[in-house]
Protein backbone atom coordinates (compact mmCIF):
# COMPACT_ATOMS: atom_id res chain seq x y z
CA UNK A 1 146.28 125.29 124.34
CA UNK A 2 145.38 121.90 125.86
CA UNK A 3 145.36 118.74 123.67
CA UNK A 4 141.58 118.29 124.41
CA UNK A 5 140.82 121.80 123.28
CA UNK A 6 143.02 121.45 120.17
CA UNK A 7 141.28 118.14 119.25
CA UNK A 8 137.91 119.91 119.41
CA UNK A 9 139.11 122.68 117.16
CA UNK A 10 140.49 120.15 114.66
CA UNK A 11 137.20 118.30 114.64
CA UNK A 12 135.26 121.58 114.16
CA UNK A 13 137.52 122.52 111.31
CA UNK A 14 137.19 119.19 109.60
CA UNK A 15 133.45 119.49 109.83
CA UNK A 16 133.45 122.94 108.47
CA UNK A 17 135.60 121.86 105.46
CA UNK A 18 133.21 118.92 104.80
CA UNK A 19 130.21 121.25 104.72
CA UNK A 20 131.96 123.63 102.39
CA UNK A 21 132.72 120.72 99.99
CA UNK A 22 129.10 119.65 100.02
CA UNK A 23 127.91 123.16 99.24
CA UNK A 24 130.49 123.29 96.39
CA UNK A 25 129.16 120.05 94.91
CA UNK A 26 125.67 121.44 95.15
CA UNK A 27 126.84 124.41 93.05
CA UNK A 28 128.28 122.08 90.43
CA UNK A 29 124.92 120.29 90.21
CA UNK A 30 123.46 123.38 88.63
CA UNK A 31 123.37 123.87 84.94
CA UNK A 32 126.34 125.83 83.53
CA UNK A 33 127.78 126.16 87.06
CA UNK A 34 131.16 127.35 85.79
CA UNK A 35 131.65 129.75 82.93
CA UNK A 36 135.14 130.57 81.75
CA UNK A 37 136.05 134.16 80.93
CA UNK A 38 139.69 133.41 80.22
CA UNK A 39 142.30 130.94 81.50
CA UNK A 40 142.53 132.86 84.85
CA UNK A 41 139.07 134.23 85.29
CA UNK A 42 135.88 132.22 85.81
CA UNK A 43 132.25 132.94 86.90
CA UNK A 44 130.86 130.42 89.41
CA UNK A 45 127.14 130.37 90.05
CA UNK A 46 125.66 131.07 93.41
CA UNK A 47 124.46 127.99 95.36
CA UNK A 48 120.83 129.17 95.66
CA UNK A 49 120.47 132.46 93.75
CA UNK A 50 120.54 133.32 90.11
CA UNK A 51 123.74 135.34 90.15
CA UNK A 52 127.38 134.34 89.83
CA UNK A 53 130.64 135.18 91.66
CA UNK A 54 133.92 136.11 90.08
CA UNK A 55 136.87 133.83 90.78
CA UNK A 56 140.35 134.94 89.55
CA UNK A 57 143.90 133.73 89.75
CA UNK A 58 146.15 136.54 91.21
CA UNK A 59 149.41 134.68 90.46
CA UNK A 60 149.58 132.98 93.79
CA UNK A 61 146.08 131.77 94.58
CA UNK A 62 142.42 132.01 93.69
CA UNK A 63 140.46 134.92 95.01
CA UNK A 64 136.70 135.45 94.99
CA UNK A 65 134.50 138.48 95.41
CA UNK A 66 131.94 136.74 97.72
CA UNK A 67 131.40 137.96 101.29
CA UNK A 68 132.78 134.78 102.79
CA UNK A 69 136.15 135.09 101.01
CA UNK A 70 136.45 138.76 101.89
CA UNK A 71 136.04 137.87 105.55
CA UNK A 72 137.73 134.56 105.82
CA UNK A 73 139.76 134.15 102.55
CA UNK A 74 143.07 134.46 104.41
CA UNK A 75 142.12 131.40 106.49
CA UNK A 76 140.27 129.06 104.15
CA UNK A 77 138.90 129.09 100.57
CA UNK A 78 135.19 129.84 99.98
CA UNK A 79 132.73 127.33 98.48
CA UNK A 80 133.02 128.93 95.06
CA UNK A 81 136.80 128.38 94.94
CA UNK A 82 136.31 124.78 96.06
CA UNK A 83 133.73 124.27 93.38
CA UNK A 84 136.18 125.55 90.76
CA UNK A 85 138.90 123.28 91.98
CA UNK A 86 136.62 120.26 91.89
CA UNK A 87 135.57 121.32 88.44
CA UNK A 88 139.27 121.31 87.33
CA UNK A 89 140.05 117.96 88.99
CA UNK A 90 136.98 116.17 87.41
CA UNK A 91 136.16 114.71 90.85
CA UNK A 92 132.52 115.56 90.58
CA UNK A 93 129.88 114.76 87.98
CA UNK A 94 126.99 117.22 87.55
CA UNK A 95 123.50 115.83 88.34
CA UNK A 96 122.09 116.79 84.92
CA UNK A 97 124.99 114.89 83.19
CA UNK A 98 124.47 111.61 84.99
CA UNK A 99 123.46 108.98 82.59
CA UNK A 100 120.69 106.95 84.39
CA UNK A 101 120.65 104.18 81.85
CA UNK A 102 123.21 101.52 83.06
CA UNK A 103 124.57 98.79 80.95
CA UNK A 104 121.97 96.20 80.00
CA UNK A 105 121.93 93.44 82.58
CA UNK A 106 120.75 90.02 81.60
CA UNK A 107 119.45 87.26 83.91
CA UNK A 108 119.91 83.53 83.50
CA UNK A 109 116.87 81.46 82.81
CA UNK A 110 116.16 77.80 83.50
CA UNK A 111 114.56 77.25 80.12
CA UNK A 112 113.47 73.57 80.59
CA UNK A 113 111.37 74.51 83.65
CA UNK A 114 110.23 77.81 82.06
CA UNK A 115 108.97 75.92 79.02
CA UNK A 116 107.28 73.38 81.24
CA UNK A 117 105.51 76.14 83.10
CA UNK A 118 104.22 77.64 79.85
CA UNK A 119 103.05 74.26 78.54
CA UNK A 120 101.04 73.46 81.59
CA UNK A 121 99.83 77.00 82.35
CA UNK A 122 96.45 76.85 80.49
CA UNK A 123 95.67 73.42 82.00
CA UNK A 124 96.19 74.33 85.59
CA UNK A 125 95.33 78.08 85.64
CA UNK A 126 91.92 77.43 86.99
CA UNK A 127 93.33 75.26 89.77
CA UNK A 128 95.24 78.33 91.05
CA UNK A 129 92.34 80.66 90.56
CA UNK A 130 89.73 78.56 92.38
CA UNK A 131 91.46 78.59 95.78
CA UNK A 132 92.20 82.27 95.40
CA UNK A 133 88.64 83.42 94.89
CA UNK A 134 87.44 81.02 97.47
CA UNK A 135 89.00 83.36 100.04
CA UNK A 136 86.01 85.58 99.38
CA UNK A 137 83.34 85.03 101.97
CA UNK A 138 80.13 84.00 100.30
CA UNK A 139 77.24 86.35 101.32
CA UNK A 140 74.04 84.72 102.81
CA UNK A 141 70.78 85.29 100.96
CA UNK A 142 67.76 85.76 103.34
CA UNK A 143 65.08 86.66 100.77
CA UNK A 144 64.32 87.06 97.12
CA UNK A 145 64.88 84.69 94.20
CA UNK A 146 68.11 82.64 94.06
CA UNK A 147 71.12 84.51 92.72
CA UNK A 148 74.56 83.34 91.44
CA UNK A 149 77.22 82.91 94.00
CA UNK A 150 79.61 85.91 94.18
CA UNK A 151 82.64 83.55 94.12
CA UNK A 152 81.37 81.95 90.89
CA UNK A 153 80.87 85.33 89.19
CA UNK A 154 84.35 86.54 90.05
CA UNK A 155 85.91 83.21 89.04
CA UNK A 156 84.29 83.53 85.61
CA UNK A 157 85.22 87.23 85.22
CA UNK A 158 88.88 86.40 85.70
CA UNK A 159 88.69 83.32 83.54
CA UNK A 160 87.19 85.35 80.75
CA UNK A 161 90.09 87.86 80.94
CA UNK A 162 92.67 85.11 80.93
CA UNK A 163 91.08 83.39 77.89
CA UNK A 164 90.83 86.73 76.14
CA UNK A 165 87.49 85.78 74.64
CA UNK A 166 84.42 87.88 73.78
CA UNK A 167 81.44 87.59 76.09
CA UNK A 168 79.48 85.01 74.10
CA UNK A 169 82.46 82.91 73.12
CA UNK A 170 83.51 82.74 76.79
CA UNK A 171 80.38 80.74 77.56
CA UNK A 172 82.37 77.61 76.76
CA UNK A 173 84.85 78.45 79.55
CA UNK A 174 81.98 78.75 82.08
CA UNK A 175 80.57 75.41 81.01
CA UNK A 176 83.91 73.70 81.51
CA UNK A 177 84.29 75.22 84.97
CA UNK A 178 80.86 73.79 85.84
CA UNK A 179 81.98 70.32 84.71
CA UNK A 180 85.06 70.61 86.96
CA UNK A 181 82.82 71.68 89.88
CA UNK A 182 84.66 74.97 90.21
CA UNK A 183 81.45 76.89 89.98
CA UNK A 184 78.07 75.78 91.48
CA UNK A 185 75.64 76.93 88.80
CA UNK A 186 75.43 77.52 85.04
CA UNK A 187 76.25 81.18 84.40
CA UNK A 188 75.03 83.09 81.35
CA UNK A 189 77.51 85.44 79.59
CA UNK A 190 75.31 88.43 80.36
CA UNK A 191 75.67 87.82 84.08
CA UNK A 192 79.43 88.41 83.71
CA UNK A 193 78.84 91.65 81.84
CA UNK A 194 76.44 92.91 84.47
CA UNK A 195 78.91 91.93 87.24
CA UNK A 196 81.83 93.89 85.73
CA UNK A 197 79.87 97.20 85.88
CA UNK A 198 79.36 96.90 89.62
CA UNK A 199 81.34 99.44 91.69
CA UNK A 200 81.18 97.09 94.73
CA UNK A 201 83.34 94.55 92.76
CA UNK A 202 86.32 96.89 92.50
CA UNK A 203 87.61 96.72 96.18
CA UNK A 204 87.31 92.95 96.18
CA UNK A 205 89.47 92.71 92.97
CA UNK A 206 92.08 95.02 94.57
CA UNK A 207 92.35 92.69 97.56
CA UNK A 208 92.68 89.70 95.23
CA UNK A 209 95.58 91.44 93.48
CA UNK A 210 97.43 91.81 96.75
CA UNK A 211 96.61 88.29 98.03
CA UNK A 212 97.76 86.68 94.72
CA UNK A 213 101.18 88.10 95.43
CA UNK A 214 101.51 86.90 99.04
CA UNK A 215 102.89 83.43 98.25
CA UNK A 216 106.05 85.03 96.87
CA UNK A 217 106.54 87.39 99.79
CA UNK A 218 109.43 85.16 100.96
CA UNK A 219 111.20 85.51 97.70
CA UNK A 220 110.90 89.19 96.78
CA UNK A 221 112.09 92.06 99.00
CA UNK A 222 113.20 94.46 96.28
CA UNK A 223 110.42 96.62 94.77
CA UNK A 224 110.00 98.69 91.61
CA UNK A 225 107.30 101.22 90.98
CA UNK A 226 106.14 102.52 87.58
CA UNK A 227 103.00 103.41 85.62
CA UNK A 228 101.55 102.74 82.21
CA UNK A 229 98.44 103.50 80.12
CA UNK A 230 95.91 101.08 78.75
CA UNK A 231 93.85 102.32 75.80
CA UNK A 232 90.06 102.12 76.16
CA UNK A 233 87.70 101.24 73.30
CA UNK A 234 85.80 104.51 73.99
CA UNK A 235 86.66 107.98 72.76
CA UNK A 236 87.03 111.29 74.61
CA UNK A 237 85.14 114.46 73.86
CA UNK A 238 86.22 116.00 70.58
CA UNK A 239 85.11 118.70 68.14
CA UNK A 240 86.57 117.68 64.89
CA UNK A 241 84.40 119.87 62.60
CA UNK A 242 84.71 123.11 64.77
CA UNK A 243 88.37 123.07 65.77
CA UNK A 244 89.89 120.44 63.52
CA UNK A 245 90.96 118.27 66.39
CA UNK A 246 91.02 114.52 65.97
CA UNK A 247 89.20 112.23 68.27
CA UNK A 248 91.25 110.32 70.72
CA UNK A 249 90.85 107.18 72.85
CA UNK A 250 90.28 107.37 76.50
CA UNK A 251 92.97 105.75 78.67
CA UNK A 252 93.20 104.07 82.04
CA UNK A 253 96.43 104.44 83.91
CA UNK A 254 97.83 101.57 85.98
CA UNK A 255 100.27 102.49 88.78
CA UNK A 256 101.92 99.26 89.72
CA UNK A 257 104.30 98.04 92.40
CA UNK A 258 106.15 94.90 91.33
CA UNK A 259 108.62 92.53 92.79
CA UNK A 260 112.06 92.83 91.14
CA UNK A 261 112.93 89.12 91.25
CA UNK A 262 109.67 87.43 90.30
CA UNK A 263 107.88 90.39 88.54
CA UNK A 264 104.71 89.69 90.68
CA UNK A 265 102.39 92.71 91.01
CA UNK A 266 102.29 93.44 94.77
CA UNK A 267 99.81 96.30 94.50
CA UNK A 268 98.08 98.45 91.83
CA UNK A 269 96.14 101.62 91.62
CA UNK A 270 93.98 102.27 88.59
CA UNK A 271 93.32 105.95 87.72
CA UNK A 272 92.28 108.09 84.82
CA UNK A 273 94.86 109.08 82.22
CA UNK A 274 96.01 112.38 83.70
CA UNK A 275 96.48 111.31 87.33
CA UNK A 276 99.83 112.09 88.92
CA UNK A 277 102.33 109.28 89.40
CA UNK A 278 104.04 110.57 92.56
CA UNK A 279 100.83 110.84 94.55
CA UNK A 280 100.12 107.18 94.13
CA UNK A 281 103.48 106.04 95.47
CA UNK A 282 102.66 106.13 99.21
CA UNK A 283 99.61 103.89 98.91
CA UNK A 284 101.45 101.37 96.76
CA UNK A 285 104.34 101.08 99.27
CA UNK A 286 101.98 101.10 102.27
CA UNK A 287 99.87 98.21 100.90
CA UNK A 288 102.98 96.19 99.74
CA UNK A 289 104.61 96.54 103.11
CA UNK A 290 101.59 94.74 104.71
CA UNK A 291 102.67 91.45 103.07
CA UNK A 292 106.36 92.04 101.96
CA UNK A 293 109.49 92.89 103.88
CA UNK A 294 110.76 95.84 101.80
CA UNK A 295 114.45 96.36 101.24
CA UNK A 296 115.15 98.39 98.03
CA UNK A 297 112.49 100.53 96.30
CA UNK A 298 113.32 101.78 92.79
CA UNK A 299 111.36 104.34 90.81
CA UNK A 300 112.06 106.93 88.12
CA UNK A 301 112.47 110.64 88.59
CA UNK A 302 108.70 111.30 88.48
CA UNK A 303 108.45 109.85 92.00
CA UNK A 304 111.17 112.06 93.50
CA UNK A 305 109.84 113.79 96.63
CA UNK A 306 110.67 114.02 100.28
CA UNK A 307 107.42 112.38 101.22
CA UNK A 308 108.17 109.35 99.05
CA UNK A 309 111.65 108.96 100.54
CA UNK A 310 110.05 109.19 104.02
CA UNK A 311 107.50 106.46 103.42
CA UNK A 312 110.08 104.01 102.13
CA UNK A 313 112.23 104.64 105.21
CA UNK A 314 109.13 104.18 107.47
CA UNK A 315 109.05 100.52 106.37
CA UNK A 316 112.84 100.07 106.82
CA UNK A 317 113.52 100.18 103.10
CA UNK A 318 115.91 102.24 100.98
CA UNK A 319 114.67 104.42 98.17
CA UNK A 320 116.65 104.64 94.95
CA UNK A 321 114.91 107.50 93.08
CA UNK A 322 117.00 109.96 91.05
CA UNK A 323 116.72 113.70 91.86
CA UNK A 324 115.47 116.27 89.54
CA UNK A 325 117.79 118.97 88.23
CA UNK A 326 116.37 121.65 90.53
CA UNK A 327 116.58 119.48 93.63
CA UNK A 328 118.59 120.72 96.62
CA UNK A 329 120.02 118.97 99.59
CA UNK A 330 118.18 120.91 102.26
CA UNK A 331 116.52 118.53 104.61
CA UNK A 332 113.32 120.54 105.54
CA UNK A 333 112.55 117.96 108.14
CA UNK A 334 113.59 115.01 106.04
CA UNK A 335 117.11 113.81 106.89
CA UNK A 336 116.58 110.77 104.62
CA UNK A 337 116.23 113.14 101.63
CA UNK A 338 119.39 114.97 102.36
CA UNK A 339 121.34 111.74 102.90
CA UNK A 340 120.08 110.34 99.70
CA UNK A 341 120.81 113.53 97.81
CA UNK A 342 124.53 113.42 98.55
CA UNK A 343 124.73 109.71 98.10
CA UNK A 344 123.13 110.27 94.57
CA UNK A 345 125.81 112.90 93.88
CA UNK A 346 128.87 111.18 95.15
CA UNK A 347 128.22 107.45 94.50
CA UNK A 348 126.91 107.24 90.96
CA UNK A 349 128.01 103.70 90.33
CA UNK A 350 126.63 102.26 93.52
CA UNK A 351 123.36 104.15 92.99
CA UNK A 352 122.95 102.66 89.48
CA UNK A 353 123.63 99.19 90.78
CA UNK A 354 120.41 99.48 92.68
CA UNK A 355 118.52 101.81 90.38
CA UNK A 356 118.76 99.42 87.38
CA UNK A 357 116.22 97.14 89.12
CA UNK A 358 113.53 99.64 88.06
CA UNK A 359 113.60 98.12 84.57
CA UNK A 360 111.83 95.12 86.06
CA UNK A 361 108.75 97.21 86.45
CA UNK A 362 108.83 97.95 82.71
CA UNK A 363 109.31 94.23 82.06
CA UNK A 364 106.24 93.46 84.13
CA UNK A 365 104.21 96.06 82.27
CA UNK A 366 105.41 94.69 78.92
CA UNK A 367 104.48 91.13 79.98
CA UNK A 368 100.93 92.11 81.02
CA UNK A 369 100.33 93.97 77.69
CA UNK A 370 101.82 91.29 75.60
CA UNK A 371 99.81 88.47 77.23
CA UNK A 372 96.43 90.32 77.72
CA UNK A 373 96.56 93.12 75.29
CA UNK A 374 96.97 96.87 75.60
CA UNK A 375 93.30 97.65 74.98
CA UNK A 376 90.42 97.58 77.49
CA UNK A 377 87.21 96.37 75.68
CA UNK A 378 84.60 97.56 78.26
CA UNK A 379 82.83 100.85 77.57
CA UNK A 380 81.64 101.55 81.09
CA UNK A 381 84.17 103.30 83.23
CA UNK A 382 83.67 101.04 86.18
CA UNK A 383 83.87 97.97 84.00
CA UNK A 384 87.09 99.30 82.48
CA UNK A 385 88.77 99.38 85.91
CA UNK A 386 87.40 95.98 86.87
CA UNK A 387 88.50 94.48 83.59
CA UNK A 388 92.02 95.74 84.04
CA UNK A 389 92.16 94.39 87.57
CA UNK A 390 91.04 91.03 86.36
CA UNK A 391 93.80 91.05 83.86
CA UNK A 392 96.42 91.79 86.62
CA UNK A 393 95.04 89.06 88.82
CA UNK A 394 95.32 86.61 85.87
CA UNK A 395 98.90 87.74 85.24
CA UNK A 396 99.85 87.16 88.79
CA UNK A 397 98.46 83.65 88.70
CA UNK A 398 100.68 82.94 85.63
CA UNK A 399 103.67 84.15 87.67
CA UNK A 400 102.70 81.84 90.54
CA UNK A 401 102.65 78.93 88.06
CA UNK A 402 106.00 79.81 86.71
CA UNK A 403 107.55 80.13 90.14
CA UNK A 404 105.92 76.95 91.32
CA UNK A 405 107.53 75.09 88.51
CA UNK A 406 110.93 76.63 89.21
CA UNK A 407 110.91 75.89 92.93
CA UNK A 408 108.95 72.60 92.97
CA UNK A 409 106.63 73.38 95.86
CA UNK A 410 103.27 72.90 94.00
CA UNK A 411 101.27 72.00 97.13
CA UNK A 412 102.01 75.31 98.85
CA UNK A 413 100.79 77.30 95.88
CA UNK A 414 97.72 75.28 95.05
CA UNK A 415 96.36 75.14 98.53
CA UNK A 416 97.17 78.72 99.66
CA UNK A 417 97.07 77.29 103.16
CA UNK A 418 98.98 80.28 104.56
CA UNK A 419 96.26 82.60 103.48
CA UNK A 420 93.01 80.79 104.35
CA UNK A 421 92.90 81.58 108.10
CA UNK A 422 93.71 85.24 108.02
CA UNK A 423 92.93 86.46 104.52
CA UNK A 424 89.23 85.75 104.09
CA UNK A 425 87.91 88.70 102.17
CA UNK A 426 84.92 90.41 103.84
CA UNK A 427 83.28 93.59 102.79
CA UNK A 428 80.29 95.57 103.98
CA UNK A 429 79.20 96.49 100.43
CA UNK A 430 76.40 94.75 98.59
CA UNK A 431 76.80 93.27 95.16
CA UNK A 432 74.33 91.84 92.76
CA UNK A 433 74.66 90.01 89.43
CA UNK A 434 71.26 90.82 87.84
CA UNK A 435 70.17 94.16 89.26
CA UNK A 436 69.43 92.65 92.62
CA UNK A 437 71.60 92.76 95.76
CA UNK A 438 73.62 90.20 97.68
CA UNK A 439 74.16 90.88 101.30
CA UNK A 440 77.00 90.34 103.70
CA UNK A 441 80.14 89.98 101.54
C-alpha cells in the first residue's frame, strides 16, 4: 500500500471515529440515555427512536446487539458503546442537565457621572426629544381649518409619558414646552388623547424607537432579545357568574431587542398577550442590523430555531440560544444550526460566557417598568400600543442622557447631526389630531 493511499485511509478512519463520537454525544443528550441493569449490563437508548440497545461486558470487551456492532464490532466499537464509555468517564454533560444560569456577573459603575446624569435628566430631557421628533417631516396643509403640527403632537405625547401625568395635569408640561418654543402652538390635553388613538401614529413611533438608538450604534454590537408583558387597564371577556371564572386584565406584549452594553432598545414589536416570541425574532434582528453591526445575539430557549440561527448568521453575527431537550444536530439545510448544536454540547463554559449577556435584556425591561410603570392606562387598543411605544422612546432618551454624561460628547447627542440628512421620517399615511386629516407626512 502506498503512503498516499494509507494517509487517505487514516483520514477517513479519523473522520468516521469523529462522527461516531458526535452521535454518541447526541444519544447522551436524551433523557435517561443510560440505564444500568447490573454492573456489567446496561441499556443505551437509540439515537433517534424510542427503543434501547443492550450493551454487556463479556469479560474482555463491551458487546452490543445493534446491527452496526454485529457487522463491524470486530473492527471498531459502535456509537452505543462509545456513549457508555463517555458516560463512565464523565466527559460529557447531558443537555437537560446543563445549568443555564451562570454565576452572577457585576459591572462597575462610574457613580459620580451616573448621579450627574440622573440629576440633570429631567431638565434636559426635552432638549433630546425635540431634535429627535424634528426628524419627522411636517405635512403641508392645502385646505381646511388650521391644525396642530404633527411634530408638536408627538412631542407632547412622549413628554406626557415621560412625566407620567394624567391627561389634564399634563397641560402644564405642554405650556412649558410652548414657553421654550419647542412647540409652535398651544395644545389642549384632549388633542393628545385623540392623537394616541390614531393608527397612523404607530409606524412613526416605531421609527422613532429605532432612530433614538442610532447614536449608540458605535458602542453596542452585542444584542439581547427578550419579551415581557404590560398590564392594561381594561379587562378581557369573562363569565364570572356562569362559570365562576375571575375577570383578568388584558396585556400587551413587548418583544424587545436591546444593546448589551448600554441597554438601549434597538427595536421593538408590540403584540397581544398570546403572540409567539420566536416569530418576532427575525424582524427584530433585521431592523437592528440596519443601524448596528451585530456580533453576538443572545436569547433564551423560546427563540431556539433553525430560522433564527440563520438570520443572525446572515448579518455576520453569532447566535447564543440554548437548545431544547428534543433538539437534534441534523442540519436540514442549516449548517449553522448543526455547528451551534455541537458547540452547545461540548463547550458549556464558553457558551455561558456569551449567553449570560441575555440578562441585560431583563435589566432593560426592569428599568422600563420601574421608571414608567407596568400598567398601560389607555383603554383603546391602538392607544395602548402607541402609549407603550412612547414609553420606550422616553426610556431610550434617558439612556442617551446617561451615555452622553459618561462619554462627554454632549454636542453629538443633542444635535443628532448624523441622522438629519438621511433619517427624515416620511410616511404616505394621513394623520389628524381632531378628526380631520393631515396630508403628506
